[in-house]
PDB file of N, CA and C in Angstrom:
ATOM      1  N   MET A   1       7.327  -2.840  -4.218  1.00  0.00           N
ATOM      2  CA  MET A   1       7.126  -2.627  -2.954  1.00  0.00           C
ATOM      3  C   MET A   1       6.658  -3.982  -3.058  1.00  0.00           C
ATOM      4  N   LEU A   2       5.004  -4.594  -3.819  1.00  0.00           N
ATOM      5  CA  LEU A   2       4.411  -5.355  -3.429  1.00  0.00           C
ATOM      6  C   LEU A   2       4.732  -6.526  -4.395  1.00  0.00           C
ATOM      7  N   THR A   3       5.507  -7.128  -5.733  1.00  0.00           N
ATOM      8  CA  THR A   3       5.994  -8.154  -6.669  1.00  0.00           C
ATOM      9  C   THR A   3       7.636  -8.187  -5.226  1.00  0.00           C
ATOM     10  N   GLU A   4       7.910  -7.386  -4.243  1.00  0.00           N
ATOM     11  CA  GLU A   4       9.492  -7.809  -4.174  1.00  0.00           C
ATOM     12  C   GLU A   4      10.169  -7.111  -2.856  1.00  0.00           C
ATOM     13  N   PRO A   5       9.443  -7.654  -2.085  1.00  0.00           N
ATOM     14  CA  PRO A   5       9.441  -6.916  -0.327  1.00  0.00           C
ATOM     15  C   PRO A   5      10.712  -6.662  -0.138  1.00  0.00           C
ATOM     16  N   GLY A   6      11.351  -7.957  -0.204  1.00  0.00           N
ATOM     17  CA  GLY A   6      12.632  -7.956   0.467  1.00  0.00           C
ATOM     18  C   GLY A   6      13.984  -7.232  -0.598  1.00  0.00           C
ATOM     19  N   SER A   7      13.930  -6.255  -1.802  1.00  0.00           N
ATOM     20  CA  SER A   7      14.463  -6.148  -2.835  1.00  0.00           C
ATOM     21  C   SER A   7      13.889  -4.108  -2.715  1.00  0.00           C
ATOM     22  N   ILE A   8      13.559  -4.073  -1.674  1.00  0.00           N
ATOM     23  CA  ILE A   8      13.531  -2.075  -0.542  1.00  0.00           C
ATOM     24  C   ILE A   8      14.413  -2.802  -0.140  1.00  0.00           C
ATOM     25  N   THR A   9      15.997  -1.718  -0.167  1.00  0.00           N
ATOM     26  CA  THR A   9      17.416  -1.646   0.113  1.00  0.00           C
ATOM     27  C   THR A   9      17.454  -0.238   0.615  1.00  0.00           C
ATOM     28  N   ASP A  10      18.018  -0.532   1.892  1.00  0.00           N
ATOM     29  CA  ASP A  10      18.756   0.874   2.853  1.00  0.00           C
ATOM     30  C   ASP A  10      18.937   1.788   2.008  1.00  0.00           C
ATOM     31  N   ALA A  11      19.770   2.094   0.820  1.00  0.00           N
ATOM     32  CA  ALA A  11      20.253   3.130  -0.197  1.00  0.00           C
ATOM     33  C   ALA A  11      18.259   3.305  -0.855  1.00  0.00           C
ATOM     34  N   ASP A  12      17.720   2.573  -1.102  1.00  0.00           N
ATOM     35  CA  ASP A  12      15.980   3.598  -1.178  1.00  0.00           C
ATOM     36  C   ASP A  12      15.309   4.094  -0.446  1.00  0.00           C
ATOM     37  N   VAL A  13      15.531   3.378   1.062  1.00  0.00           N
ATOM     38  CA  VAL A  13      14.848   4.903   2.982  1.00  0.00           C
ATOM     39  C   VAL A  13      16.008   5.850   2.127  1.00  0.00           C
ATOM     40  N   GLU A  14      17.371   5.481   2.546  1.00  0.00           N
ATOM     41  CA  GLU A  14      18.010   6.700   2.037  1.00  0.00           C
ATOM     42  C   GLU A  14      17.112   7.310   1.241  1.00  0.00           C
ATOM     43  N   GLU A  15      17.068   7.656   0.427  1.00  0.00           N
ATOM     44  CA  GLU A  15      17.172   7.843  -1.516  1.00  0.00           C
ATOM     45  C   GLU A  15      15.524   9.062  -1.048  1.00  0.00           C
ATOM     46  N   LEU A  16      14.753   8.390   0.138  1.00  0.00           N
ATOM     47  CA  LEU A  16      12.944   8.447   0.445  1.00  0.00           C
ATOM     48  C   LEU A  16      13.312   9.565   1.340  1.00  0.00           C
ATOM     49  N   ARG A  17      14.430   9.499   2.071  1.00  0.00           N
ATOM     50  CA  ARG A  17      14.705  10.565   3.220  1.00  0.00           C
ATOM     51  C   ARG A  17      15.683  11.450   2.071  1.00  0.00           C
ATOM     52  N   HIS A  18      16.439  11.508   1.502  1.00  0.00           N
ATOM     53  CA  HIS A  18      16.878  13.151   0.401  1.00  0.00           C
ATOM     54  C   HIS A  18      16.252  14.017  -0.169  1.00  0.00           C
ATOM     55  N   HIS A  19      14.127  12.876  -0.022  1.00  0.00           N
ATOM     56  CA  HIS A  19      13.221  13.659  -1.084  1.00  0.00           C
ATOM     57  C   HIS A  19      12.234  14.124   0.496  1.00  0.00           C
ATOM     58  N   GLY A  20      12.918  14.689   0.875  1.00  0.00           N
ATOM     59  CA  GLY A  20      12.034  14.955   2.718  1.00  0.00           C
ATOM     60  C   GLY A  20      11.538  14.286   3.146  1.00  0.00           C
ATOM     61  N   TRP A  21      11.259  13.145   2.840  1.00  0.00           N
ATOM     62  CA  TRP A  21      10.289  11.939   3.035  1.00  0.00           C
ATOM     63  C   TRP A  21      10.453  11.371   4.076  1.00  0.00           C
ATOM     64  N   SER A  22       9.566  11.567   5.576  1.00  0.00           N
ATOM     65  CA  SER A  22      10.883  11.391   7.072  1.00  0.00           C
ATOM     66  C   SER A  22      10.315   9.283   7.961  1.00  0.00           C
ATOM     67  N   ASP A  23      10.628   9.036   8.220  1.00  0.00           N
ATOM     68  CA  ASP A  23      10.608   7.213   8.735  1.00  0.00           C
ATOM     69  C   ASP A  23       9.112   7.420   8.718  1.00  0.00           C
ATOM     70  N   ARG A  24       8.330   8.331   9.292  1.00  0.00           N
ATOM     71  CA  ARG A  24       6.956   8.199   9.525  1.00  0.00           C
ATOM     72  C   ARG A  24       6.577   7.971   8.841  1.00  0.00           C
ATOM     73  N   VAL A  25       6.380   8.489   7.660  1.00  0.00           N
ATOM     74  CA  VAL A  25       5.950   8.849   6.456  1.00  0.00           C
ATOM     75  C   VAL A  25       6.682   7.428   5.495  1.00  0.00           C
ATOM     76  N   VAL A  26       7.308   7.249   5.775  1.00  0.00           N
ATOM     77  CA  VAL A  26       7.768   5.467   4.810  1.00  0.00           C
ATOM     78  C   VAL A  26       7.397   5.021   5.874  1.00  0.00           C
ATOM     79  N   ALA A  27       6.922   4.653   6.873  1.00  0.00           N
ATOM     80  CA  ALA A  27       5.729   4.226   7.546  1.00  0.00           C
ATOM     81  C   ALA A  27       4.499   4.197   7.859  1.00  0.00           C
ATOM     82  N   ASP A  28       4.071   5.230   7.180  1.00  0.00           N
ATOM     83  CA  ASP A  28       2.482   5.352   6.569  1.00  0.00           C
ATOM     84  C   ASP A  28       2.502   4.372   5.612  1.00  0.00           C
ATOM     85  N   VAL A  29       2.977   4.607   4.536  1.00  0.00           N
ATOM     86  CA  VAL A  29       2.937   4.659   3.136  1.00  0.00           C
ATOM     87  C   VAL A  29       2.802   2.536   2.780  1.00  0.00           C
ATOM     88  N   VAL A  30       4.505   2.018   3.797  1.00  0.00           N
ATOM     89  CA  VAL A  30       4.247   0.907   3.726  1.00  0.00           C
ATOM     90  C   VAL A  30       3.003   0.418   4.673  1.00  0.00           C
ATOM     91  N   GLY A  31       2.580   1.021   4.991  1.00  0.00           N
ATOM     92  CA  GLY A  31       0.903   0.696   6.084  1.00  0.00           C
ATOM     93  C   GLY A  31      -0.371  -0.166   6.045  1.00  0.00           C
ATOM     94  N   LEU A  32      -0.073   1.182   4.876  1.00  0.00           N
ATOM     95  CA  LEU A  32      -0.927   2.316   3.927  1.00  0.00           C
ATOM     96  C   LEU A  32      -1.208   0.917   2.481  1.00  0.00           C
ATOM     97  N   VAL A  33       0.175   0.724   2.219  1.00  0.00           N
ATOM     98  CA  VAL A  33       0.049  -0.573   0.971  1.00  0.00           C
ATOM     99  C   VAL A  33      -0.235  -1.957   1.685  1.00  0.00           C
ATOM    100  N   ALA A  34       0.133  -2.242   2.766  1.00  0.00           N
ATOM    101  CA  ALA A  34       0.273  -3.729   3.567  1.00  0.00           C
ATOM    102  C   ALA A  34      -1.567  -3.524   3.905  1.00  0.00           C
ATOM    103  N   LEU A  35      -2.840  -2.550   4.052  1.00  0.00           N
ATOM    104  CA  LEU A  35      -3.438  -2.839   4.789  1.00  0.00           C
ATOM    105  C   LEU A  35      -4.740  -2.655   3.820  1.00  0.00           C
ATOM    106  N   ASN A  36      -4.195  -2.073   2.535  1.00  0.00           N
ATOM    107  CA  ASN A  36      -5.493  -2.228   1.145  1.00  0.00           C
ATOM    108  C   ASN A  36      -4.892  -3.636   0.562  1.00  0.00           C
ATOM    109  N   GLN A  37      -3.398  -4.361   0.831  1.00  0.00           N
ATOM    110  CA  GLN A  37      -2.913  -5.698   0.127  1.00  0.00           C
ATOM    111  C   GLN A  37      -3.814  -6.103   0.813  1.00  0.00           C
ATOM    112  N   LEU A  38      -4.238  -6.599   1.606  1.00  0.00           N
ATOM    113  CA  LEU A  38      -4.943  -7.325   3.129  1.00  0.00           C
ATOM    114  C   LEU A  38      -6.299  -7.226   2.974  1.00  0.00           C
ATOM    115  N   THR A  39      -7.018  -6.215   2.897  1.00  0.00           N
ATOM    116  CA  THR A  39      -8.370  -5.493   2.708  1.00  0.00           C
ATOM    117  C   THR A  39      -8.639  -6.724   1.606  1.00  0.00           C
ATOM    118  N   GLY A  40      -8.052  -6.153  -0.314  1.00  0.00           N
ATOM    119  CA  GLY A  40      -7.691  -6.958  -1.751  1.00  0.00           C
ATOM    120  C   GLY A  40      -8.427  -8.146  -1.112  1.00  0.00           C
ATOM    121  N   ALA A  41      -7.582  -8.534  -0.373  1.00  0.00           N
ATOM    122  CA  ALA A  41      -6.615 -10.289  -0.125  1.00  0.00           C
ATOM    123  C   ALA A  41      -8.464 -10.492   0.169  1.00  0.00           C
ATOM    124  N   PHE A  42      -8.587 -10.464   1.561  1.00  0.00           N
ATOM    125  CA  PHE A  42      -9.803 -10.113   1.837  1.00  0.00           C
ATOM    126  C   PHE A  42     -11.027 -10.055   1.495  1.00  0.00           C
ATOM    127  N   ASN A  43     -11.221  -9.377   0.243  1.00  0.00           N
ATOM    128  CA  ASN A  43     -12.446  -8.885   0.032  1.00  0.00           C
ATOM    129  C   ASN A  43     -13.158  -9.928  -1.393  1.00  0.00           C
ATOM    130  N   LEU A  44     -11.516 -10.597  -1.943  1.00  0.00           N
ATOM    131  CA  LEU A  44     -11.966 -12.164  -3.537  1.00  0.00           C
ATOM    132  C   LEU A  44     -11.558 -12.725  -3.221  1.00  0.00           C
ATOM    133  N   VAL A  45     -11.454 -13.179  -1.287  1.00  0.00           N
ATOM    134  CA  VAL A  45     -12.031 -14.667  -0.637  1.00  0.00           C
ATOM    135  C   VAL A  45     -13.384 -15.060   0.396  1.00  0.00           C
ATOM    136  N   ALA A  46     -13.692 -13.718   0.912  1.00  0.00           N
ATOM    137  CA  ALA A  46     -15.372 -13.372   0.774  1.00  0.00           C
ATOM    138  C   ALA A  46     -16.408 -12.805  -0.084  1.00  0.00           C
ATOM    139  N   GLY A  47     -15.745 -12.179  -0.986  1.00  0.00           N
ATOM    140  CA  GLY A  47     -16.779 -12.784  -2.630  1.00  0.00           C
ATOM    141  C   GLY A  47     -17.494 -11.204  -2.399  1.00  0.00           C
ATOM    142  N   LEU A  48     -16.880  -9.935  -1.707  1.00  0.00           N
ATOM    143  CA  LEU A  48     -16.929  -9.237  -1.414  1.00  0.00           C
ATOM    144  C   LEU A  48     -16.439  -7.550  -2.695  1.00  0.00           C
ATOM    145  N   GLU A  49     -18.280  -7.524  -3.284  1.00  0.00           N
ATOM    146  CA  GLU A  49     -16.753  -6.622  -4.833  1.00  0.00           C
ATOM    147  C   GLU A  49     -18.403  -5.144  -4.528  1.00  0.00           C
ATOM    148  N   PRO A  50     -18.024  -4.491  -4.490  1.00  0.00           N
ATOM    149  CA  PRO A  50     -17.976  -2.530  -4.494  1.00  0.00           C
ATOM    150  C   PRO A  50     -19.151  -2.582  -4.782  1.00  0.00           C
ATOM    151  N   ALA A  51     -19.940  -1.774  -3.649  1.00  0.00           N
ATOM    152  CA  ALA A  51     -22.002  -1.879  -4.241  1.00  0.00           C
ATOM    153  C   ALA A  51     -22.037  -0.592  -5.131  1.00  0.00           C
ATOM    154  N   ALA A  52     -22.901  -1.132  -5.927  1.00  0.00           N
ATOM    155  CA  ALA A  52     -23.179   0.553  -7.307  1.00  0.00           C
ATOM    156  C   ALA A  52     -23.239   1.352  -6.600  1.00  0.00           C
ATOM    157  N   SER A  53     -22.705   2.749  -7.493  1.00  0.00           N
ATOM    158  CA  SER A  53     -23.195   4.190  -7.337  1.00  0.00           C
ATOM    159  C   SER A  53     -24.301   4.510  -7.082  1.00  0.00           C
ATOM    160  N   PRO A  54     -25.190   5.336  -7.069  1.00  0.00           N
ATOM    161  CA  PRO A  54     -26.404   5.775  -6.605  1.00  0.00           C
ATOM    162  C   PRO A  54     -26.862   6.410  -8.821  1.00  0.00           C
ATOM    163  N   THR A  55     -25.992   6.615  -9.071  1.00  0.00           N
ATOM    164  CA  THR A  55     -26.437   6.999  -9.757  1.00  0.00           C
ATOM    165  C   THR A  55     -26.045   6.173 -11.120  1.00  0.00           C
ATOM    166  N   GLY A  56     -25.414   4.995 -10.641  1.00  0.00           N
ATOM    167  CA  GLY A  56     -25.226   4.359 -11.917  1.00  0.00           C
ATOM    168  C   GLY A  56     -23.701   3.614 -12.671  1.00  0.00           C
ATOM    169  N   ALA A  57     -23.041   5.431 -12.381  1.00  0.00           N
ATOM    170  CA  ALA A  57     -21.493   5.159 -13.444  1.00  0.00           C
ATOM    171  C   ALA A  57     -20.881   4.412 -12.721  1.00  0.00           C
TER     172      ALA A  57
END
């Protein structure tokens, strides 16, 4: 979905429906992927990195 978003076809969505995914769930997944991608891009541009964990792991 990330490398070729135009390659997702109606048949792909229909297959997800066949596996029990509702249109709402499909839309939620697409939205979540888009949000994560944009957040990652923003963090790269802003030079932000995750904070170190308190345990050092």
